[in-house]
């Protein structure tokens, strides 16, 4: 039986580290999309709230409803702008904050809010270069008209989203920020002021403290799964606990795994662990593919960028063991030659928690 283990003390540590990084008591919007980045949407959200986080953000109406049914009453921003009537009505009924990213979305939301005899809080989304949700930053007149004419919408917040903030030296991040600031200044000139202004995601928060404005949207930062995490005092959250299910002896020059990607150099004792990419293992590296051409392309890109491939490791009894061969959907193999490892021994693997199968139990310890 596999489990995703979440160290609650480490998670609380990360929350406190992030709070201490704030410059002027900016409002933290904790993004809990993707089943709370794989940590269990409800359990994860409750821990954030218990430790001082007062606002959440989700990707869609389903996540909003799950949180409301779990009794969570804090403000919840729905990040996806929508022009689907039923979704808008459901967000309003469940007291979510709508994202308005187009004239059509604004007009429809206003019509539904008016029919329900409600004034609803919304956040305006500006597309500064992501090419996804949001009004194009150049279209100030269109943005103003949406604010001015849709009287049942209370435009409480405004935000945009970085596309390259994980790249510390990205010039485009600065360009996006400047575009967003220009939109803010122009709207302020026309008499429109927003209570909450935010553009920084986790990477933007780490690398660009001068761009916080008065709110930040953080997801992976809480998990300690960003660059420089150790330097900041953030702990890496989430690991799979499994066990050795089988051990076998292989002769020299014997192939292991798909694509015959590994061949033993000597007689090898091999252990099998029932964890694969369906549990999120190695998914972030994007190398688990069955097409040989994709395998070659990935290797070529690694060489081109002069990136040394890191060996995948599994921790057993406090020691690290190399994964050999390709990772399968539900299994991986490790070299345990000259070890005293036995069937049933616990194995711990670092995983991308976002991709861990929802059927795997989440355990907070």
Protein backbone atom coordinates (compact mmCIF):
# COMPACT_ATOMS: atom_id res chain seq x y z
CA UNK A 1 0.00 0.00 0.00
CA UNK A 2 1.47 3.35 -1.08
CA UNK A 3 0.88 6.63 0.78
CA UNK A 4 1.73 10.26 0.18
CA UNK A 5 3.35 11.49 3.39
CA UNK A 6 3.03 15.19 4.29
CA UNK A 7 5.08 16.50 7.18
CA UNK A 8 2.74 18.97 8.87
CA UNK A 9 5.52 20.65 10.87
CA UNK A 10 7.48 21.32 7.68
CA UNK A 11 4.40 22.76 6.01
CA UNK A 12 3.78 25.11 8.94
CA UNK A 13 7.45 26.08 8.80
CA UNK A 14 7.02 27.07 5.14
CA UNK A 15 3.94 29.15 5.92
CA UNK A 16 5.86 31.06 8.59
CA UNK A 17 8.93 31.53 6.39
CA UNK A 18 6.73 33.01 3.66
CA UNK A 19 4.96 35.33 6.10
CA UNK A 20 8.33 36.62 7.27
CA UNK A 21 9.33 37.37 3.68
CA UNK A 22 6.51 39.88 3.22
CA UNK A 23 7.64 43.47 2.94
CA UNK A 24 4.55 45.45 3.95
CA UNK A 25 2.07 42.93 5.28
CA UNK A 26 0.85 42.08 1.77
CA UNK A 27 -2.20 39.82 1.58
CA UNK A 28 -1.37 36.19 0.84
CA UNK A 29 -3.71 34.43 -1.57
CA UNK A 30 -2.99 30.72 -1.19
CA UNK A 31 -3.54 28.87 -4.46
CA UNK A 32 -4.89 25.38 -3.71
CA UNK A 33 -5.76 24.20 -7.21
CA UNK A 34 -5.03 20.66 -8.38
CA UNK A 35 -6.37 19.02 -5.20
CA UNK A 36 -4.23 21.38 -3.13
CA UNK A 37 -1.20 20.59 -5.35
CA UNK A 38 -1.86 16.96 -4.55
CA UNK A 39 -1.89 17.40 -0.76
CA UNK A 40 -5.68 16.94 -0.42
CA UNK A 41 -7.66 20.08 -1.17
CA UNK A 42 -9.62 20.24 2.08
CA UNK A 43 -6.94 19.06 4.55
CA UNK A 44 -4.32 21.33 3.01
CA UNK A 45 -6.63 24.37 2.93
CA UNK A 46 -7.61 23.91 6.58
CA UNK A 47 -3.95 23.85 7.66
CA UNK A 48 -3.27 27.05 5.70
CA UNK A 49 -6.26 28.75 7.34
CA UNK A 50 -5.33 27.48 10.83
CA UNK A 51 -1.97 29.18 10.32
CA UNK A 52 -3.21 32.60 9.36
CA UNK A 53 -4.01 32.43 5.64
CA UNK A 54 -7.25 34.30 5.09
CA UNK A 55 -7.82 33.95 1.35
CA UNK A 56 -7.67 31.00 -1.05
CA UNK A 57 -7.69 30.66 -4.82
CA UNK A 58 -8.95 27.73 -6.88
CA UNK A 59 -8.97 26.89 -10.57
CA UNK A 60 -12.65 26.07 -11.02
CA UNK A 61 -16.13 25.80 -9.58
CA UNK A 62 -15.70 22.14 -8.54
CA UNK A 63 -12.88 23.04 -6.16
CA UNK A 64 -14.89 25.96 -4.77
CA UNK A 65 -17.87 23.73 -4.03
CA UNK A 66 -15.71 21.10 -2.32
CA UNK A 67 -14.27 23.73 0.00
CA UNK A 68 -17.65 25.21 0.84
CA UNK A 69 -19.12 21.77 1.56
CA UNK A 70 -16.18 21.18 3.91
CA UNK A 71 -17.25 24.24 5.89
CA UNK A 72 -14.54 26.66 4.76
CA UNK A 73 -15.89 30.20 4.93
CA UNK A 74 -12.84 32.27 3.94
CA UNK A 75 -12.73 34.30 0.71
CA UNK A 76 -12.08 32.12 -2.35
CA UNK A 77 -11.04 33.53 -5.70
CA UNK A 78 -11.90 31.41 -8.77
CA UNK A 79 -8.98 32.00 -11.13
CA UNK A 80 -10.63 30.92 -14.39
CA UNK A 81 -12.74 33.51 -16.15
CA UNK A 82 -15.87 31.93 -17.61
CA UNK A 83 -18.71 32.76 -19.97
CA UNK A 84 -20.75 29.69 -19.03
CA UNK A 85 -23.94 30.79 -17.31
CA UNK A 86 -24.30 27.83 -14.95
CA UNK A 87 -20.71 28.16 -13.75
CA UNK A 88 -21.17 31.84 -13.00
CA UNK A 89 -24.40 31.14 -11.11
CA UNK A 90 -22.75 28.35 -9.11
CA UNK A 91 -19.80 30.56 -8.19
CA UNK A 92 -22.17 33.27 -6.98
CA UNK A 93 -24.30 30.78 -5.03
CA UNK A 94 -21.19 29.39 -3.35
CA UNK A 95 -19.89 32.86 -2.48
CA UNK A 96 -16.84 32.66 -4.68
CA UNK A 97 -15.06 35.68 -6.11
CA UNK A 98 -15.38 35.68 -9.89
CA UNK A 99 -12.50 36.44 -12.20
CA UNK A 100 -13.65 38.72 -15.00
CA UNK A 101 -11.41 38.40 -18.04
CA UNK A 102 -13.50 39.68 -20.93
CA UNK A 103 -16.38 41.95 -21.87
CA UNK A 104 -18.58 38.91 -22.47
CA UNK A 105 -17.78 37.47 -19.03
CA UNK A 106 -18.49 40.82 -17.37
CA UNK A 107 -21.83 41.32 -19.11
CA UNK A 108 -23.02 37.78 -18.41
CA UNK A 109 -21.93 37.88 -14.76
CA UNK A 110 -23.68 41.23 -14.32
CA UNK A 111 -26.88 39.92 -15.89
CA UNK A 112 -26.92 36.84 -13.64
CA UNK A 113 -26.07 38.86 -10.52
CA UNK A 114 -28.89 41.31 -11.31
CA UNK A 115 -31.35 38.46 -11.81
CA UNK A 116 -30.35 37.15 -8.38
CA UNK A 117 -30.68 40.66 -6.92
CA UNK A 118 -27.04 40.64 -5.78
CA UNK A 119 -23.96 42.81 -6.03
CA UNK A 120 -21.01 40.45 -6.28
CA UNK A 121 -17.31 40.93 -5.63
CA UNK A 122 -15.05 40.23 -8.62
CA UNK A 123 -11.40 40.52 -9.63
CA UNK A 124 -10.43 41.93 -13.00
CA UNK A 125 -7.91 39.85 -14.96
CA UNK A 126 -5.41 41.59 -17.26
CA UNK A 127 -3.51 39.65 -19.92
CA UNK A 128 -0.03 41.18 -19.95
CA UNK A 129 1.53 38.52 -22.16
CA UNK A 130 0.34 35.10 -21.02
CA UNK A 131 -2.17 34.80 -23.86
CA UNK A 132 -4.73 33.10 -21.68
CA UNK A 133 -7.52 34.62 -19.54
CA UNK A 134 -7.85 38.38 -19.28
CA UNK A 135 -8.42 41.65 -21.11
CA UNK A 136 -5.49 42.59 -23.34
CA UNK A 137 -3.45 45.19 -21.47
CA UNK A 138 -3.68 47.61 -24.42
CA UNK A 139 -7.48 47.77 -24.32
CA UNK A 140 -7.94 50.33 -21.54
CA UNK A 141 -11.17 51.73 -22.98
CA UNK A 142 -12.74 48.26 -23.11
CA UNK A 143 -11.67 47.57 -19.53
CA UNK A 144 -13.10 50.87 -18.32
CA UNK A 145 -16.39 50.27 -20.11
CA UNK A 146 -16.80 46.90 -18.38
CA UNK A 147 -16.23 48.49 -14.98
CA UNK A 148 -18.46 51.46 -15.73
CA UNK A 149 -21.48 49.69 -17.20
CA UNK A 150 -21.80 46.52 -15.11
CA UNK A 151 -23.26 47.96 -11.92
CA UNK A 152 -23.88 44.66 -10.15
CA UNK A 153 -20.19 43.82 -10.20
CA UNK A 154 -17.98 45.17 -7.45
CA UNK A 155 -14.46 45.32 -8.92
CA UNK A 156 -12.61 44.75 -5.69
CA UNK A 157 -9.39 43.35 -7.14
CA UNK A 158 -7.23 43.34 -10.24
CA UNK A 159 -4.45 40.97 -11.25
CA UNK A 160 -2.25 39.51 -13.93
CA UNK A 161 0.00 36.45 -14.22
CA UNK A 162 3.71 36.02 -15.03
CA UNK A 163 4.68 33.46 -17.65
CA UNK A 164 8.47 33.36 -17.08
CA UNK A 165 8.95 34.33 -13.44
CA UNK A 166 10.75 31.05 -12.68
CA UNK A 167 13.58 32.43 -14.83
CA UNK A 168 15.31 34.84 -12.46
CA UNK A 169 16.84 36.89 -15.28
CA UNK A 170 13.72 37.08 -17.45
CA UNK A 171 13.32 40.51 -19.04
CA UNK A 172 9.77 39.59 -20.01
CA UNK A 173 8.74 39.44 -16.36
CA UNK A 174 9.73 43.09 -16.02
CA UNK A 175 7.84 43.88 -19.24
CA UNK A 176 4.69 42.20 -17.93
CA UNK A 177 4.96 44.04 -14.64
CA UNK A 178 5.36 47.41 -16.39
CA UNK A 179 2.35 46.69 -18.60
CA UNK A 180 0.26 45.86 -15.54
CA UNK A 181 1.38 48.99 -13.70
CA UNK A 182 0.52 51.11 -16.73
CA UNK A 183 -3.00 49.64 -16.72
CA UNK A 184 -3.35 50.41 -13.00
CA UNK A 185 -2.13 53.99 -13.40
CA UNK A 186 -4.40 54.68 -16.35
CA UNK A 187 -7.46 53.29 -14.57
CA UNK A 188 -6.60 55.28 -11.44
CA UNK A 189 -6.45 58.42 -13.58
CA UNK A 190 -9.97 57.64 -14.70
CA UNK A 191 -11.13 57.23 -11.10
CA UNK A 192 -10.98 53.46 -10.60
CA UNK A 193 -9.09 52.12 -7.58
CA UNK A 194 -8.87 48.46 -6.52
CA UNK A 195 -8.55 47.19 -2.97
CA UNK A 196 -6.37 44.22 -3.92
CA UNK A 197 -3.69 44.27 -6.63
CA UNK A 198 -1.60 41.17 -7.34
CA UNK A 199 0.68 39.79 -10.03
CA UNK A 200 3.36 37.72 -8.24
CA UNK A 201 3.07 33.94 -8.31
CA UNK A 202 5.48 31.83 -6.24
CA UNK A 203 8.51 32.39 -8.46
CA UNK A 204 7.70 36.07 -8.84
CA UNK A 205 7.41 36.30 -5.06
CA UNK A 206 10.86 34.78 -4.56
CA UNK A 207 12.73 36.68 -7.24
CA UNK A 208 10.91 40.02 -7.46
CA UNK A 209 10.01 41.42 -4.03
CA UNK A 210 9.72 44.87 -5.61
CA UNK A 211 6.70 43.61 -7.56
CA UNK A 212 4.52 42.41 -4.67
CA UNK A 213 1.99 45.28 -4.87
CA UNK A 214 -0.40 44.61 -1.95
CA UNK A 215 -1.13 40.94 -2.65
CA UNK A 216 0.70 37.78 -3.72
CA UNK A 217 -0.64 34.47 -5.07
CA UNK A 218 1.36 31.53 -3.78
CA UNK A 219 1.14 27.81 -4.52
CA UNK A 220 4.37 25.85 -4.95
CA UNK A 221 6.21 28.13 -2.52
CA UNK A 222 4.27 26.56 0.35
CA UNK A 223 5.47 23.14 -0.83
CA UNK A 224 9.10 24.26 -0.97
CA UNK A 225 9.21 23.12 -4.58
CA UNK A 226 10.89 26.10 -6.17
CA UNK A 227 14.48 27.04 -6.82
CA UNK A 228 16.53 28.24 -3.83
CA UNK A 229 14.09 26.66 -1.37
CA UNK A 230 16.85 25.47 0.95
CA UNK A 231 18.50 28.89 1.02
CA UNK A 232 15.21 30.44 2.09
CA UNK A 233 14.56 27.89 4.82
CA UNK A 234 11.67 26.22 2.99
CA UNK A 235 11.18 22.50 3.47
CA UNK A 236 10.31 20.21 0.56
CA UNK A 237 6.82 18.85 1.14
CA UNK A 238 5.54 15.44 0.07
CA UNK A 239 7.08 12.00 -0.39
CA UNK A 240 5.72 8.62 -1.35
CA UNK A 241 6.03 5.82 1.19
CA UNK A 242 6.10 2.38 -0.40
CA UNK A 243 7.92 -0.90 0.15
CA UNK A 244 10.00 -3.52 -1.63
CA UNK A 245 7.59 -5.96 -3.29
CA UNK A 246 10.04 -8.28 -5.05
CA UNK A 247 13.78 -9.02 -5.33
CA UNK A 248 15.51 -10.85 -8.17
CA UNK A 249 19.00 -11.65 -9.44
CA UNK A 250 19.97 -10.65 -12.98
CA UNK A 251 23.04 -11.77 -14.94
CA UNK A 252 25.57 -9.46 -16.59
CA UNK A 253 24.46 -7.73 -19.84
CA UNK A 254 20.75 -8.13 -19.08
CA UNK A 255 18.30 -5.40 -20.19
CA UNK A 256 16.05 -3.69 -17.64
CA UNK A 257 12.85 -1.78 -18.36
CA UNK A 258 11.16 -0.23 -21.40
CA UNK A 259 13.29 0.77 -24.42
CA UNK A 260 16.04 -1.52 -23.11
CA UNK A 261 17.41 1.72 -21.67
CA UNK A 262 19.60 0.00 -19.07
CA UNK A 263 21.88 -3.03 -19.26
CA UNK A 264 23.56 -4.58 -16.27
CA UNK A 265 27.35 -4.38 -16.25
CA UNK A 266 27.74 -7.23 -13.78
CA UNK A 267 25.53 -9.73 -11.92
CA UNK A 268 22.97 -7.47 -10.25
CA UNK A 269 20.49 -7.83 -7.41
CA UNK A 270 17.40 -5.85 -8.33
CA UNK A 271 14.46 -4.77 -6.20
CA UNK A 272 11.04 -3.78 -7.50
CA UNK A 273 8.97 -1.03 -5.85
CA UNK A 274 5.28 -0.70 -6.85
CA UNK A 275 5.52 3.03 -7.59
CA UNK A 276 5.66 4.58 -11.06
CA UNK A 277 4.78 7.72 -12.91
CA UNK A 278 1.10 7.32 -12.02
CA UNK A 279 2.21 8.19 -8.50
CA UNK A 280 3.94 11.32 -9.77
CA UNK A 281 7.45 9.87 -9.60
CA UNK A 282 9.75 11.61 -12.11
CA UNK A 283 6.80 13.34 -13.77
CA UNK A 284 8.33 16.80 -13.35
CA UNK A 285 11.28 15.72 -15.50
CA UNK A 286 8.99 14.90 -18.42
CA UNK A 287 11.11 11.96 -19.54
CA UNK A 288 8.75 9.04 -19.15
CA UNK A 289 7.67 8.33 -22.69
CA UNK A 290 7.33 5.15 -24.68
CA UNK A 291 8.24 6.67 -28.07
CA UNK A 292 11.90 6.17 -28.87
CA UNK A 293 11.98 9.37 -30.92
CA UNK A 294 10.84 11.35 -27.86
CA UNK A 295 13.50 9.68 -25.75
CA UNK A 296 16.19 10.70 -28.28
CA UNK A 297 14.81 14.24 -28.51
CA UNK A 298 14.92 14.64 -24.74
CA UNK A 299 18.52 13.38 -24.61
CA UNK A 300 19.50 15.78 -27.41
CA UNK A 301 17.99 18.73 -25.54
CA UNK A 302 19.84 17.79 -22.36
CA UNK A 303 23.14 17.70 -24.27
CA UNK A 304 22.37 20.95 -26.09
CA UNK A 305 21.70 22.76 -22.83
CA UNK A 306 24.70 21.08 -21.19
CA UNK A 307 22.46 19.68 -18.46
CA UNK A 308 23.75 16.67 -16.59
CA UNK A 309 21.02 14.11 -16.05
CA UNK A 310 20.44 13.56 -12.35
CA UNK A 311 20.09 9.96 -11.26
CA UNK A 312 16.77 9.10 -9.72
CA UNK A 313 17.10 7.93 -6.12
CA UNK A 314 15.07 5.96 -3.60
CA UNK A 315 15.68 6.15 0.14
CA UNK A 316 15.66 2.82 1.99
CA UNK A 317 16.82 2.45 5.59
CA UNK A 318 18.45 5.88 5.42
CA UNK A 319 20.51 5.13 2.30
CA UNK A 320 20.05 6.24 -1.30
CA UNK A 321 19.73 3.67 -4.11
CA UNK A 322 19.78 4.31 -7.85
CA UNK A 323 16.74 3.71 -10.02
CA UNK A 324 17.70 1.68 -13.08
CA UNK A 325 15.85 1.49 -16.37
CA UNK A 326 12.79 3.50 -17.34
CA UNK A 327 10.15 4.23 -14.72
CA UNK A 328 6.97 2.28 -15.50
CA UNK A 329 3.39 3.30 -14.89
CA UNK A 330 3.20 1.36 -11.62
CA UNK A 331 6.74 0.18 -10.91
CA UNK A 332 10.39 1.07 -10.76
CA UNK A 333 13.56 -0.94 -10.30
CA UNK A 334 16.56 -0.23 -8.09
CA UNK A 335 20.03 -1.74 -7.85
CA UNK A 336 20.48 -3.24 -4.36
CA UNK A 337 23.59 -5.30 -5.08
CA UNK A 338 25.69 -5.91 -1.93
CA UNK A 339 22.92 -4.65 0.37
CA UNK A 340 20.86 -6.42 3.03
CA UNK A 341 17.55 -5.00 1.80
CA UNK A 342 14.65 -7.44 2.06
CA UNK A 343 11.08 -7.66 0.85
CA UNK A 344 8.79 -5.41 2.88
CA UNK A 345 11.44 -2.78 3.68
CA UNK A 346 10.04 0.76 3.52
CA UNK A 347 11.02 2.90 0.52
CA UNK A 348 10.67 6.69 0.29
CA UNK A 349 10.57 8.64 -2.96
CA UNK A 350 10.47 12.33 -3.76
CA UNK A 351 7.53 13.01 -6.09
CA UNK A 352 5.73 15.84 -7.79
CA UNK A 353 2.73 15.87 -5.47
CA UNK A 354 0.53 17.52 -8.09
CA UNK A 355 0.62 14.34 -10.16
CA UNK A 356 0.12 11.77 -7.43
CA UNK A 357 -2.83 9.52 -8.23
CA UNK A 358 -5.90 10.63 -6.26
CA UNK A 359 -6.44 7.01 -5.16
CA UNK A 360 -3.24 7.11 -3.11
CA UNK A 361 -3.89 7.89 0.55
CA UNK A 362 -2.66 11.23 1.91
CA UNK A 363 -1.20 11.04 5.42
CA UNK A 364 -0.36 14.13 7.49
CA UNK A 365 2.22 13.37 10.15
